[in-house]
Amino acid sequence: MRRSMLAHLPRHLPAWPLMLADIGQPSAADVAAVLDVSRRTVERWNAAGQAPRVAALAIYRLTRWGCSEDPAGRRLQLAESLVLSLRADLIAERLRVAYLQGLQQDTGAAGSANGALWRQT
């Protein structure tokens, strides 16, 4: 028997201020626009430190906790990690190329048996 999609909703949610902090502390106006409520309503929720469950569920889906429960969100987190790793590798390789170019310029021995192995094309 197939479970209802409603059974996949989290029973417990992080505190409203914690969820807002996790998604970058958006302004009350930004949260209001996303949730289709007034800015003043969001300001009241923020002052109280809690929001109605339906609003909290919507924001929860944007947090790292909400993303980690969603298979697509987990794939997105893995992809973001891969991108960061590849960027670090790219920076390291660019530094290596700059080092080799510096060696070639310092020695002036381009093309000799002992020269650097870098040729700019």
PDB file of N, CA and C in Angstrom:
ATOM      1  N   MET A   1       0.836  -1.182   0.000  1.00  0.00           N
ATOM      2  CA  MET A   1       0.000   0.000   0.000  1.00  0.00           C
ATOM      3  C   MET A   1       0.884   1.250   0.000  1.00  0.00           C
ATOM      4  N   ARG A   2       0.594   2.179  -0.857  1.00  0.00           N
ATOM      5  CA  ARG A   2       1.395   3.390  -0.989  1.00  0.00           C
ATOM      6  C   ARG A   2       1.054   4.391   0.117  1.00  0.00           C
ATOM      7  N   ARG A   3       2.126   4.906   0.729  1.00  0.00           N
ATOM      8  CA  ARG A   3       1.915   5.915   1.770  1.00  0.00           C
ATOM      9  C   ARG A   3       1.542   7.244   1.145  1.00  0.00           C
ATOM     10  N   SER A   4       0.762   7.994   1.837  1.00  0.00           N
ATOM     11  CA  SER A   4       0.388   9.319   1.382  1.00  0.00           C
ATOM     12  C   SER A   4       1.623  10.210   1.343  1.00  0.00           C
ATOM     13  N   MET A   5       1.655  11.122   0.408  1.00  0.00           N
ATOM     14  CA  MET A   5       2.755  12.076   0.332  1.00  0.00           C
ATOM     15  C   MET A   5       2.831  12.917   1.609  1.00  0.00           C
ATOM     16  N   LEU A   6       1.702  13.082   2.268  1.00  0.00           N
ATOM     17  CA  LEU A   6       1.692  13.858   3.506  1.00  0.00           C
ATOM     18  C   LEU A   6       2.525  13.199   4.596  1.00  0.00           C
ATOM     19  N   ALA A   7       2.699  11.893   4.499  1.00  0.00           N
ATOM     20  CA  ALA A   7       3.506  11.188   5.496  1.00  0.00           C
ATOM     21  C   ALA A   7       4.977  11.562   5.395  1.00  0.00           C
ATOM     22  N   HIS A   8       5.367  12.207   4.309  1.00  0.00           N
ATOM     23  CA  HIS A   8       6.762  12.588   4.114  1.00  0.00           C
ATOM     24  C   HIS A   8       7.091  13.957   4.714  1.00  0.00           C
ATOM     25  N   LEU A   9       6.088  14.650   5.210  1.00  0.00           N
ATOM     26  CA  LEU A   9       6.355  15.937   5.836  1.00  0.00           C
ATOM     27  C   LEU A   9       7.057  15.727   7.173  1.00  0.00           C
ATOM     28  N   PRO A  10       7.981  16.607   7.512  1.00  0.00           N
ATOM     29  CA  PRO A  10       8.678  16.442   8.795  1.00  0.00           C
ATOM     30  C   PRO A  10       7.731  16.689   9.967  1.00  0.00           C
ATOM     31  N   ARG A  11       7.917  15.916  11.006  1.00  0.00           N
ATOM     32  CA  ARG A  11       7.085  16.111  12.208  1.00  0.00           C
ATOM     33  C   ARG A  11       7.592  17.279  13.037  1.00  0.00           C
ATOM     34  N   HIS A  12       8.894  17.422  13.088  1.00  0.00           N
ATOM     35  CA  HIS A  12       9.504  18.477  13.895  1.00  0.00           C
ATOM     36  C   HIS A  12      10.332  19.376  12.993  1.00  0.00           C
ATOM     37  N   LEU A  13      10.218  20.658  13.230  1.00  0.00           N
ATOM     38  CA  LEU A  13      10.957  21.636  12.438  1.00  0.00           C
ATOM     39  C   LEU A  13      11.919  22.403  13.321  1.00  0.00           C
ATOM     40  N   PRO A  14      13.048  22.847  12.769  1.00  0.00           N
ATOM     41  CA  PRO A  14      13.928  23.727  13.535  1.00  0.00           C
ATOM     42  C   PRO A  14      13.190  25.028  13.875  1.00  0.00           C
ATOM     43  N   ALA A  15      13.685  25.751  14.827  1.00  0.00           N
ATOM     44  CA  ALA A  15      13.071  27.021  15.214  1.00  0.00           C
ATOM     45  C   ALA A  15      13.096  27.997  14.037  1.00  0.00           C
ATOM     46  N   TRP A  16      12.083  28.823  13.971  1.00  0.00           N
ATOM     47  CA  TRP A  16      11.940  29.805  12.888  1.00  0.00           C
ATOM     48  C   TRP A  16      13.205  30.657  12.720  1.00  0.00           C
ATOM     49  N   PRO A  17      13.752  31.249  13.789  1.00  0.00           N
ATOM     50  CA  PRO A  17      14.970  32.060  13.606  1.00  0.00           C
ATOM     51  C   PRO A  17      16.156  31.242  13.080  1.00  0.00           C
ATOM     52  N   LEU A  18      16.248  29.992  13.490  1.00  0.00           N
ATOM     53  CA  LEU A  18      17.336  29.131  13.033  1.00  0.00           C
ATOM     54  C   LEU A  18      17.202  28.839  11.535  1.00  0.00           C
ATOM     55  N   MET A  19      15.981  28.611  11.089  1.00  0.00           N
ATOM     56  CA  MET A  19      15.776  28.354   9.652  1.00  0.00           C
ATOM     57  C   MET A  19      16.100  29.596   8.831  1.00  0.00           C
ATOM     58  N   LEU A  20      15.684  30.762   9.316  1.00  0.00           N
ATOM     59  CA  LEU A  20      15.991  31.998   8.585  1.00  0.00           C
ATOM     60  C   LEU A  20      17.495  32.230   8.525  1.00  0.00           C
ATOM     61  N   ALA A  21      18.173  31.959   9.628  1.00  0.00           N
ATOM     62  CA  ALA A  21      19.633  32.109   9.633  1.00  0.00           C
ATOM     63  C   ALA A  21      20.281  31.143   8.651  1.00  0.00           C
ATOM     64  N   ASP A  22      19.742  29.949   8.551  1.00  0.00           N
ATOM     65  CA  ASP A  22      20.321  28.927   7.670  1.00  0.00           C
ATOM     66  C   ASP A  22      20.217  29.310   6.199  1.00  0.00           C
ATOM     67  N   ILE A  23      19.188  30.074   5.845  1.00  0.00           N
ATOM     68  CA  ILE A  23      19.036  30.461   4.438  1.00  0.00           C
ATOM     69  C   ILE A  23      19.549  31.877   4.179  1.00  0.00           C
ATOM     70  N   GLY A  24      20.335  32.404   5.108  1.00  0.00           N
ATOM     71  CA  GLY A  24      21.001  33.680   4.857  1.00  0.00           C
ATOM     72  C   GLY A  24      20.322  34.903   5.434  1.00  0.00           C
ATOM     73  N   GLN A  25      19.457  34.716   6.394  1.00  0.00           N
ATOM     74  CA  GLN A  25      18.773  35.808   7.085  1.00  0.00           C
ATOM     75  C   GLN A  25      18.095  36.762   6.089  1.00  0.00           C
ATOM     76  N   PRO A  26      17.150  36.255   5.306  1.00  0.00           N
ATOM     77  CA  PRO A  26      16.480  37.126   4.329  1.00  0.00           C
ATOM     78  C   PRO A  26      15.660  38.204   5.043  1.00  0.00           C
ATOM     79  N   SER A  27      15.436  39.291   4.356  1.00  0.00           N
ATOM     80  CA  SER A  27      14.643  40.381   4.932  1.00  0.00           C
ATOM     81  C   SER A  27      13.190  39.946   5.061  1.00  0.00           C
ATOM     82  N   ALA A  28      12.481  40.638   5.941  1.00  0.00           N
ATOM     83  CA  ALA A  28      11.049  40.347   6.112  1.00  0.00           C
ATOM     84  C   ALA A  28      10.305  40.554   4.795  1.00  0.00           C
ATOM     85  N   ALA A  29      10.723  41.554   4.035  1.00  0.00           N
ATOM     86  CA  ALA A  29      10.070  41.821   2.745  1.00  0.00           C
ATOM     87  C   ALA A  29      10.278  40.664   1.769  1.00  0.00           C
ATOM     88  N   ASP A  30      11.476  40.099   1.747  1.00  0.00           N
ATOM     89  CA  ASP A  30      11.752  38.975   0.849  1.00  0.00           C
ATOM     90  C   ASP A  30      10.943  37.741   1.245  1.00  0.00           C
ATOM     91  N   VAL A  31      10.899  37.456   2.541  1.00  0.00           N
ATOM     92  CA  VAL A  31      10.122  36.300   3.012  1.00  0.00           C
ATOM     93  C   VAL A  31       8.652  36.523   2.703  1.00  0.00           C
ATOM     94  N   ALA A  32       8.171  37.741   2.935  1.00  0.00           N
ATOM     95  CA  ALA A  32       6.770  38.059   2.672  1.00  0.00           C
ATOM     96  C   ALA A  32       6.425  37.851   1.199  1.00  0.00           C
ATOM     97  N   ALA A  33       7.317  38.263   0.316  1.00  0.00           N
ATOM     98  CA  ALA A  33       7.058  38.114  -1.123  1.00  0.00           C
ATOM     99  C   ALA A  33       6.979  36.646  -1.521  1.00  0.00           C
ATOM    100  N   VAL A  34       7.871  35.826  -0.966  1.00  0.00           N
ATOM    101  CA  VAL A  34       7.894  34.403  -1.305  1.00  0.00           C
ATOM    102  C   VAL A  34       6.644  33.697  -0.771  1.00  0.00           C
ATOM    103  N   LEU A  35       6.227  34.068   0.435  1.00  0.00           N
ATOM    104  CA  LEU A  35       5.093  33.390   1.074  1.00  0.00           C
ATOM    105  C   LEU A  35       3.751  34.051   0.778  1.00  0.00           C
ATOM    106  N   ASP A  36       3.769  35.150   0.037  1.00  0.00           N
ATOM    107  CA  ASP A  36       2.552  35.882  -0.331  1.00  0.00           C
ATOM    108  C   ASP A  36       1.776  36.348   0.902  1.00  0.00           C
ATOM    109  N   VAL A  37       2.512  36.947   1.824  1.00  0.00           N
ATOM    110  CA  VAL A  37       1.926  37.576   3.008  1.00  0.00           C
ATOM    111  C   VAL A  37       2.512  38.978   3.109  1.00  0.00           C
ATOM    112  N   SER A  38       2.035  39.767   4.057  1.00  0.00           N
ATOM    113  CA  SER A  38       2.562  41.121   4.191  1.00  0.00           C
ATOM    114  C   SER A  38       3.891  41.112   4.948  1.00  0.00           C
ATOM    115  N   ARG A  39       4.672  42.150   4.708  1.00  0.00           N
ATOM    116  CA  ARG A  39       5.937  42.314   5.415  1.00  0.00           C
ATOM    117  C   ARG A  39       5.683  42.400   6.911  1.00  0.00           C
ATOM    118  N   ARG A  40       4.633  43.089   7.302  1.00  0.00           N
ATOM    119  CA  ARG A  40       4.293  43.237   8.724  1.00  0.00           C
ATOM    120  C   ARG A  40       4.000  41.872   9.352  1.00  0.00           C
ATOM    121  N   THR A  41       3.347  40.987   8.622  1.00  0.00           N
ATOM    122  CA  THR A  41       3.064  39.641   9.133  1.00  0.00           C
ATOM    123  C   THR A  41       4.370  38.916   9.446  1.00  0.00           C
ATOM    124  N   VAL A  42       5.308  38.980   8.520  1.00  0.00           N
ATOM    125  CA  VAL A  42       6.604  38.318   8.733  1.00  0.00           C
ATOM    126  C   VAL A  42       7.337  38.978   9.894  1.00  0.00           C
ATOM    127  N   GLU A  43       7.246  40.283  10.023  1.00  0.00           N
ATOM    128  CA  GLU A  43       7.877  40.969  11.150  1.00  0.00           C
ATOM    129  C   GLU A  43       7.294  40.484  12.477  1.00  0.00           C
ATOM    130  N   ARG A  44       5.986  40.248  12.515  1.00  0.00           N
ATOM    131  CA  ARG A  44       5.359  39.712  13.740  1.00  0.00           C
ATOM    132  C   ARG A  44       5.871  38.307  14.036  1.00  0.00           C
ATOM    133  N   TRP A  45       5.983  37.470  12.998  1.00  0.00           N
ATOM    134  CA  TRP A  45       6.515  36.117  13.187  1.00  0.00           C
ATOM    135  C   TRP A  45       7.942  36.193  13.715  1.00  0.00           C
ATOM    136  N   ASN A  46       8.727  37.069  13.121  1.00  0.00           N
ATOM    137  CA  ASN A  46      10.124  37.202  13.536  1.00  0.00           C
ATOM    138  C   ASN A  46      10.213  37.666  14.986  1.00  0.00           C
ATOM    139  N   ALA A  47       9.364  38.616  15.365  1.00  0.00           N
ATOM    140  CA  ALA A  47       9.371  39.122  16.743  1.00  0.00           C
ATOM    141  C   ALA A  47       8.965  38.018  17.725  1.00  0.00           C
ATOM    142  N   ALA A  48       8.032  37.170  17.303  1.00  0.00           N
ATOM    143  CA  ALA A  48       7.574  36.076  18.161  1.00  0.00           C
ATOM    144  C   ALA A  48       8.536  34.893  18.142  1.00  0.00           C
ATOM    145  N   GLY A  49       9.388  34.844  17.133  1.00  0.00           N
ATOM    146  CA  GLY A  49      10.331  33.728  17.012  1.00  0.00           C
ATOM    147  C   GLY A  49       9.691  32.459  16.484  1.00  0.00           C
ATOM    148  N   GLN A  50       8.513  32.587  15.918  1.00  0.00           N
ATOM    149  CA  GLN A  50       7.842  31.424  15.334  1.00  0.00           C
ATOM    150  C   GLN A  50       6.854  31.886  14.273  1.00  0.00           C
ATOM    151  N   ALA A  51       6.536  30.975  13.378  1.00  0.00           N
ATOM    152  CA  ALA A  51       5.606  31.261  12.290  1.00  0.00           C
ATOM    153  C   ALA A  51       4.605  30.121  12.207  1.00  0.00           C
ATOM    154  N   PRO A  52       3.482  30.338  11.536  1.00  0.00           N
ATOM    155  CA  PRO A  52       2.540  29.228  11.339  1.00  0.00           C
ATOM    156  C   PRO A  52       3.241  28.061  10.640  1.00  0.00           C
ATOM    157  N   ARG A  53       2.803  26.872  10.937  1.00  0.00           N
ATOM    158  CA  ARG A  53       3.465  25.670  10.416  1.00  0.00           C
ATOM    159  C   ARG A  53       3.560  25.675   8.894  1.00  0.00           C
ATOM    160  N   VAL A  54       2.537  26.134   8.224  1.00  0.00           N
ATOM    161  CA  VAL A  54       2.567  26.127   6.758  1.00  0.00           C
ATOM    162  C   VAL A  54       3.696  27.024   6.240  1.00  0.00           C
ATOM    163  N   ALA A  55       3.896  28.175   6.869  1.00  0.00           N
ATOM    164  CA  ALA A  55       4.993  29.066   6.464  1.00  0.00           C
ATOM    165  C   ALA A  55       6.334  28.432   6.823  1.00  0.00           C
ATOM    166  N   ALA A  56       6.420  27.851   8.007  1.00  0.00           N
ATOM    167  CA  ALA A  56       7.662  27.212   8.437  1.00  0.00           C
ATOM    168  C   ALA A  56       8.025  26.051   7.517  1.00  0.00           C
ATOM    169  N   LEU A  57       7.030  25.284   7.074  1.00  0.00           N
ATOM    170  CA  LEU A  57       7.299  24.173   6.148  1.00  0.00           C
ATOM    171  C   LEU A  57       7.864  24.683   4.823  1.00  0.00           C
ATOM    172  N   ALA A  58       7.317  25.794   4.340  1.00  0.00           N
ATOM    173  CA  ALA A  58       7.804  26.352   3.075  1.00  0.00           C
ATOM    174  C   ALA A  58       9.258  26.792   3.207  1.00  0.00           C
ATOM    175  N   ILE A  59       9.582  27.462   4.299  1.00  0.00           N
ATOM    176  CA  ILE A  59      10.959  27.915   4.511  1.00  0.00           C
ATOM    177  C   ILE A  59      11.879  26.729   4.778  1.00  0.00           C
ATOM    178  N   TYR A  60      11.382  25.750   5.507  1.00  0.00           N
ATOM    179  CA  TYR A  60      12.168  24.550   5.836  1.00  0.00           C
ATOM    180  C   TYR A  60      12.704  23.885   4.577  1.00  0.00           C
ATOM    181  N   ARG A  61      11.918  23.824   3.517  1.00  0.00           N
ATOM    182  CA  ARG A  61      12.333  23.167   2.273  1.00  0.00           C
ATOM    183  C   ARG A  61      13.557  23.845   1.668  1.00  0.00           C
ATOM    184  N   LEU A  62      13.802  25.097   2.041  1.00  0.00           N
ATOM    185  CA  LEU A  62      14.946  25.832   1.497  1.00  0.00           C
ATOM    186  C   LEU A  62      16.211  25.661   2.334  1.00  0.00           C
ATOM    187  N   THR A  63      16.064  25.159   3.544  1.00  0.00           N
ATOM    188  CA  THR A  63      17.212  25.021   4.440  1.00  0.00           C
ATOM    189  C   THR A  63      18.029  23.784   4.090  1.00  0.00           C
ATOM    190  N   ARG A  64      19.209  23.681   4.685  1.00  0.00           N
ATOM    191  CA  ARG A  64      20.044  22.490   4.452  1.00  0.00           C
ATOM    192  C   ARG A  64      19.343  21.230   4.947  1.00  0.00           C
ATOM    193  N   TRP A  65      18.522  21.355   5.990  1.00  0.00           N
ATOM    194  CA  TRP A  65      17.831  20.183   6.520  1.00  0.00           C
ATOM    195  C   TRP A  65      16.740  19.727   5.564  1.00  0.00           C
ATOM    196  N   GLY A  66      16.003  20.683   5.029  1.00  0.00           N
ATOM    197  CA  GLY A  66      14.967  20.342   4.062  1.00  0.00           C
ATOM    198  C   GLY A  66      15.546  19.775   2.784  1.00  0.00           C
ATOM    199  N   CYS A  67      16.655  20.353   2.338  1.00  0.00           N
ATOM    200  CA  CYS A  67      17.302  19.850   1.122  1.00  0.00           C
ATOM    201  C   CYS A  67      17.859  18.454   1.331  1.00  0.00           C
ATOM    202  N   SER A  68      18.336  18.172   2.543  1.00  0.00           N
ATOM    203  CA  SER A  68      18.939  16.858   2.777  1.00  0.00           C
ATOM    204  C   SER A  68      17.898  15.743   2.795  1.00  0.00           C
ATOM    205  N   GLU A  69      16.638  16.080   3.039  1.00  0.00           N
ATOM    206  CA  GLU A  69      15.577  15.072   3.031  1.00  0.00           C
ATOM    207  C   GLU A  69      15.046  14.797   1.635  1.00  0.00           C
ATOM    208  N   ASP A  70      15.317  15.678   0.732  1.00  0.00           N
ATOM    209  CA  ASP A  70      14.822  15.572  -0.635  1.00  0.00           C
ATOM    210  C   ASP A  70      15.925  14.985  -1.513  1.00  0.00           C
ATOM    211  N   PRO A  71      15.678  13.884  -2.212  1.00  0.00           N
ATOM    212  CA  PRO A  71      16.728  13.289  -3.057  1.00  0.00           C
ATOM    213  C   PRO A  71      17.325  14.294  -4.041  1.00  0.00           C
ATOM    214  N   ALA A  72      16.496  15.134  -4.627  1.00  0.00           N
ATOM    215  CA  ALA A  72      17.030  16.139  -5.551  1.00  0.00           C
ATOM    216  C   ALA A  72      17.894  17.141  -4.797  1.00  0.00           C
ATOM    217  N   GLY A  73      17.488  17.472  -3.576  1.00  0.00           N
ATOM    218  CA  GLY A  73      18.277  18.385  -2.758  1.00  0.00           C
ATOM    219  C   GLY A  73      19.623  17.788  -2.397  1.00  0.00           C
ATOM    220  N   ARG A  74      19.640  16.486  -2.103  1.00  0.00           N
ATOM    221  CA  ARG A  74      20.909  15.824  -1.797  1.00  0.00           C
ATOM    222  C   ARG A  74      21.820  15.840  -3.020  1.00  0.00           C
ATOM    223  N   ARG A  75      21.241  15.612  -4.182  1.00  0.00           N
ATOM    224  CA  ARG A  75      22.055  15.652  -5.408  1.00  0.00           C
ATOM    225  C   ARG A  75      22.606  17.062  -5.627  1.00  0.00           C
ATOM    226  N   LEU A  76      21.796  18.065  -5.329  1.00  0.00           N
ATOM    227  CA  LEU A  76      22.251  19.443  -5.475  1.00  0.00           C
ATOM    228  C   LEU A  76      23.403  19.724  -4.518  1.00  0.00           C
ATOM    229  N   GLN A  77      23.296  19.265  -3.270  1.00  0.00           N
ATOM    230  CA  GLN A  77      24.376  19.464  -2.310  1.00  0.00           C
ATOM    231  C   GLN A  77      25.650  18.767  -2.769  1.00  0.00           C
ATOM    232  N   LEU A  78      25.519  17.557  -3.297  1.00  0.00           N
ATOM    233  CA  LEU A  78      26.692  16.845  -3.809  1.00  0.00           C
ATOM    234  C   LEU A  78      27.305  17.584  -4.989  1.00  0.00           C
ATOM    235  N   ALA A  79      26.463  18.102  -5.868  1.00  0.00           N
ATOM    236  CA  ALA A  79      26.958  18.842  -7.025  1.00  0.00           C
ATOM    237  C   ALA A  79      27.683  20.112  -6.581  1.00  0.00           C
ATOM    238  N   GLU A  80      27.122  20.805  -5.576  1.00  0.00           N
ATOM    239  CA  GLU A  80      27.776  22.007  -5.072  1.00  0.00           C
ATOM    240  C   GLU A  80      29.137  21.671  -4.467  1.00  0.00           C
ATOM    241  N   SER A  81      29.217  20.564  -3.746  1.00  0.00           N
ATOM    242  CA  SER A  81      30.495  20.135  -3.179  1.00  0.00           C
ATOM    243  C   SER A  81      31.501  19.822  -4.273  1.00  0.00           C
ATOM    244  N   LEU A  82      31.037  19.156  -5.321  1.00  0.00           N
ATOM    245  CA  LEU A  82      31.918  18.830  -6.441  1.00  0.00           C
ATOM    246  C   LEU A  82      32.431  20.098  -7.114  1.00  0.00           C
ATOM    247  N   VAL A  83      31.556  21.069  -7.306  1.00  0.00           N
ATOM    248  CA  VAL A  83      31.965  22.327  -7.927  1.00  0.00           C
ATOM    249  C   VAL A  83      33.041  23.013  -7.086  1.00  0.00           C
ATOM    250  N   LEU A  84      32.843  23.052  -5.772  1.00  0.00           N
ATOM    251  CA  LEU A  84      33.847  23.670  -4.892  1.00  0.00           C
ATOM    252  C   LEU A  84      35.178  22.940  -4.980  1.00  0.00           C
ATOM    253  N   SER A  85      35.127  21.622  -5.012  1.00  0.00           N
ATOM    254  CA  SER A  85      36.348  20.833  -5.110  1.00  0.00           C
ATOM    255  C   SER A  85      37.057  21.088  -6.445  1.00  0.00           C
ATOM    256  N   LEU A  86      36.294  21.115  -7.520  1.00  0.00           N
ATOM    257  CA  LEU A  86      36.888  21.352  -8.833  1.00  0.00           C
ATOM    258  C   LEU A  86      37.470  22.761  -8.937  1.00  0.00           C
ATOM    259  N   ARG A  87      36.813  23.729  -8.317  1.00  0.00           N
ATOM    260  CA  ARG A  87      37.365  25.090  -8.310  1.00  0.00           C
ATOM    261  C   ARG A  87      38.712  25.124  -7.597  1.00  0.00           C
ATOM    262  N   ALA A  88      38.787  24.425  -6.470  1.00  0.00           N
ATOM    263  CA  ALA A  88      40.060  24.372  -5.729  1.00  0.00           C
ATOM    264  C   ALA A  88      41.140  23.707  -6.584  1.00  0.00           C
ATOM    265  N   ASP A  89      40.785  22.631  -7.282  1.00  0.00           N
ATOM    266  CA  ASP A  89      41.744  21.966  -8.173  1.00  0.00           C
ATOM    267  C   ASP A  89      42.191  22.900  -9.293  1.00  0.00           C
ATOM    268  N   LEU A  90      41.259  23.652  -9.844  1.00  0.00           N
ATOM    269  CA  LEU A  90      41.579  24.578 -10.925  1.00  0.00           C
ATOM    270  C   LEU A  90      42.545  25.658 -10.444  1.00  0.00           C
ATOM    271  N   ILE A  91      42.301  26.184  -9.262  1.00  0.00           N
ATOM    272  CA  ILE A  91      43.200  27.201  -8.702  1.00  0.00           C
ATOM    273  C   ILE A  91      44.600  26.625  -8.508  1.00  0.00           C
ATOM    274  N   ALA A  92      44.673  25.405  -7.981  1.00  0.00           N
ATOM    275  CA  ALA A  92      45.977  24.757  -7.772  1.00  0.00           C
ATOM    276  C   ALA A  92      46.703  24.568  -9.101  1.00  0.00           C
ATOM    277  N   GLU A  93      46.010  24.154 -10.122  1.00  0.00           N
ATOM    278  CA  GLU A  93      46.642  23.946 -11.429  1.00  0.00           C
ATOM    279  C   GLU A  93      47.068  25.261 -12.058  1.00  0.00           C
ATOM    280  N   ARG A  94      46.287  26.311 -11.875  1.00  0.00           N
ATOM    281  CA  ARG A  94      46.688  27.624 -12.399  1.00  0.00           C
ATOM    282  C   ARG A  94      47.959  28.116 -11.703  1.00  0.00           C
ATOM    283  N   LEU A  95      48.040  27.866 -10.398  1.00  0.00           N
ATOM    284  CA  LEU A  95      49.251  28.239  -9.671  1.00  0.00           C
ATOM    285  C   LEU A  95      50.452  27.454 -10.179  1.00  0.00           C
ATOM    286  N   ARG A  96      50.243  26.173 -10.474  1.00  0.00           N
ATOM    287  CA  ARG A  96      51.324  25.338 -11.002  1.00  0.00           C
ATOM    288  C   ARG A  96      51.785  25.850 -12.366  1.00  0.00           C
ATOM    289  N   VAL A  97      50.843  26.220 -13.216  1.00  0.00           N
ATOM    290  CA  VAL A  97      51.188  26.756 -14.537  1.00  0.00           C
ATOM    291  C   VAL A  97      51.959  28.067 -14.380  1.00  0.00           C
ATOM    292  N   ALA A  98      51.507  28.938 -13.484  1.00  0.00           N
ATOM    293  CA  ALA A  98      52.200  30.210 -13.266  1.00  0.00           C
ATOM    294  C   ALA A  98      53.621  29.959 -12.764  1.00  0.00           C
ATOM    295  N   TYR A  99      53.781  28.973 -11.902  1.00  0.00           N
ATOM    296  CA  TYR A  99      55.113  28.626 -11.398  1.00  0.00           C
ATOM    297  C   TYR A  99      56.013  28.162 -12.543  1.00  0.00           C
ATOM    298  N   LEU A 100      55.499  27.287 -13.381  1.00  0.00           N
ATOM    299  CA  LEU A 100      56.295  26.778 -14.507  1.00  0.00           C
ATOM    300  C   LEU A 100      56.626  27.891 -15.492  1.00  0.00           C
ATOM    301  N   GLN A 101      55.682  28.795 -15.729  1.00  0.00           N
ATOM    302  CA  GLN A 101      55.963  29.923 -16.611  1.00  0.00           C
ATOM    303  C   GLN A 101      57.071  30.792 -16.022  1.00  0.00           C
ATOM    304  N   GLY A 102      57.033  30.982 -14.691  1.00  0.00           N
ATOM    305  CA  GLY A 102      58.073  31.760 -14.024  1.00  0.00           C
ATOM    306  C   GLY A 102      59.433  31.106 -14.155  1.00  0.00           C
ATOM    307  N   LEU A 103      59.472  29.779 -14.039  1.00  0.00           N
ATOM    308  CA  LEU A 103      60.735  29.067 -14.205  1.00  0.00           C
ATOM    309  C   LEU A 103      61.292  29.272 -15.608  1.00  0.00           C
ATOM    310  N   GLN A 104      60.433  29.187 -16.581  1.00  0.00           N
ATOM    311  CA  GLN A 104      60.865  29.326 -17.965  1.00  0.00           C
ATOM    312  C   GLN A 104      61.415  30.724 -18.203  1.00  0.00           C
ATOM    313  N   GLN A 105      60.753  31.735 -17.673  1.00  0.00           N
ATOM    314  CA  GLN A 105      61.210  33.116 -17.863  1.00  0.00           C
ATOM    315  C   GLN A 105      62.507  33.368 -17.103  1.00  0.00           C
ATOM    316  N   ASP A 106      62.628  32.801 -15.905  1.00  0.00           N
ATOM    317  CA  ASP A 106      63.827  33.017 -15.081  1.00  0.00           C
ATOM    318  C   ASP A 106      65.058  32.382 -15.702  1.00  0.00           C
ATOM    319  N   THR A 107      64.903  31.200 -16.269  1.00  0.00           N
ATOM    320  CA  THR A 107      66.073  30.490 -16.800  1.00  0.00           C
ATOM    321  C   THR A 107      66.411  30.920 -18.213  1.00  0.00           C
ATOM    322  N   GLY A 108      65.444  31.387 -18.953  1.00  0.00           N
ATOM    323  CA  GLY A 108      65.694  31.769 -20.323  1.00  0.00           C
ATOM    324  C   GLY A 108      66.154  30.604 -21.178  1.00  0.00           C
ATOM    325  N   ALA A 109      65.895  29.403 -20.715  1.00  0.00           N
ATOM    326  CA  ALA A 109      66.398  28.211 -21.387  1.00  0.00           C
ATOM    327  C   ALA A 109      65.290  27.481 -22.129  1.00  0.00           C
ATOM    328  N   ALA A 110      64.368  28.213 -22.657  1.00  0.00           N
ATOM    329  CA  ALA A 110      63.268  27.563 -23.354  1.00  0.00           C
ATOM    330  C   ALA A 110      63.813  26.750 -24.522  1.00  0.00           C
ATOM    331  N   GLY A 111      63.407  25.522 -24.606  1.00  0.00           N
ATOM    332  CA  GLY A 111      63.820  24.667 -25.691  1.00  0.00           C
ATOM    333  C   GLY A 111      65.053  23.851 -25.400  1.00  0.00           C
ATOM    334  N   SER A 112      65.755  24.137 -24.316  1.00  0.00           N
ATOM    335  CA  SER A 112      66.936  23.338 -23.998  1.00  0.00           C
ATOM    336  C   SER A 112      66.523  22.096 -23.229  1.00  0.00           C
ATOM    337  N   ALA A 113      67.442  21.168 -23.103  1.00  0.00           N
ATOM    338  CA  ALA A 113      67.156  19.916 -22.406  1.00  0.00           C
ATOM    339  C   ALA A 113      66.789  20.162 -20.950  1.00  0.00           C
ATOM    340  N   ASN A 114      67.328  21.206 -20.346  1.00  0.00           N
ATOM    341  CA  ASN A 114      67.049  21.499 -18.946  1.00  0.00           C
ATOM    342  C   ASN A 114      65.984  22.568 -18.763  1.00  0.00           C
ATOM    343  N   GLY A 115      65.367  22.988 -19.833  1.00  0.00           N
ATOM    344  CA  GLY A 115      64.388  24.065 -19.758  1.00  0.00           C
ATOM    345  C   GLY A 115      63.055  23.576 -19.207  1.00  0.00           C
ATOM    346  N   ALA A 116      62.253  24.550 -18.785  1.00  0.00           N
ATOM    347  CA  ALA A 116      60.905  24.211 -18.289  1.00  0.00           C
ATOM    348  C   ALA A 116      60.084  23.615 -19.425  1.00  0.00           C
ATOM    349  N   LEU A 117      59.128  22.823 -19.081  1.00  0.00           N
ATOM    350  CA  LEU A 117      58.336  22.099 -20.088  1.00  0.00           C
ATOM    351  C   LEU A 117      57.070  22.852 -20.466  1.00  0.00           C
ATOM    352  N   TRP A 118      57.078  24.133 -20.421  1.00  0.00           N
ATOM    353  CA  TRP A 118      55.869  24.895 -20.689  1.00  0.00           C
ATOM    354  C   TRP A 118      56.077  25.743 -21.926  1.00  0.00           C
ATOM    355  N   ARG A 119      55.121  25.676 -22.812  1.00  0.00           N
ATOM    356  CA  ARG A 119      55.147  26.507 -23.997  1.00  0.00           C
ATOM    357  C   ARG A 119      53.743  27.098 -24.151  1.00  0.00           C
ATOM    358  N   GLN A 120      53.664  28.406 -24.137  1.00  0.00           N
ATOM    359  CA  GLN A 120      52.350  29.064 -24.232  1.00  0.00           C
ATOM    360  C   GLN A 120      51.917  29.047 -25.696  1.00  0.00           C
ATOM    361  N   THR A 121      50.648  28.665 -25.918  1.00  0.00           N
ATOM    362  CA  THR A 121      50.124  28.624 -27.281  1.00  0.00           C
ATOM    363  C   THR A 121      49.074  29.667 -27.483  1.00  0.00           C
TER     364      THR A 121
END
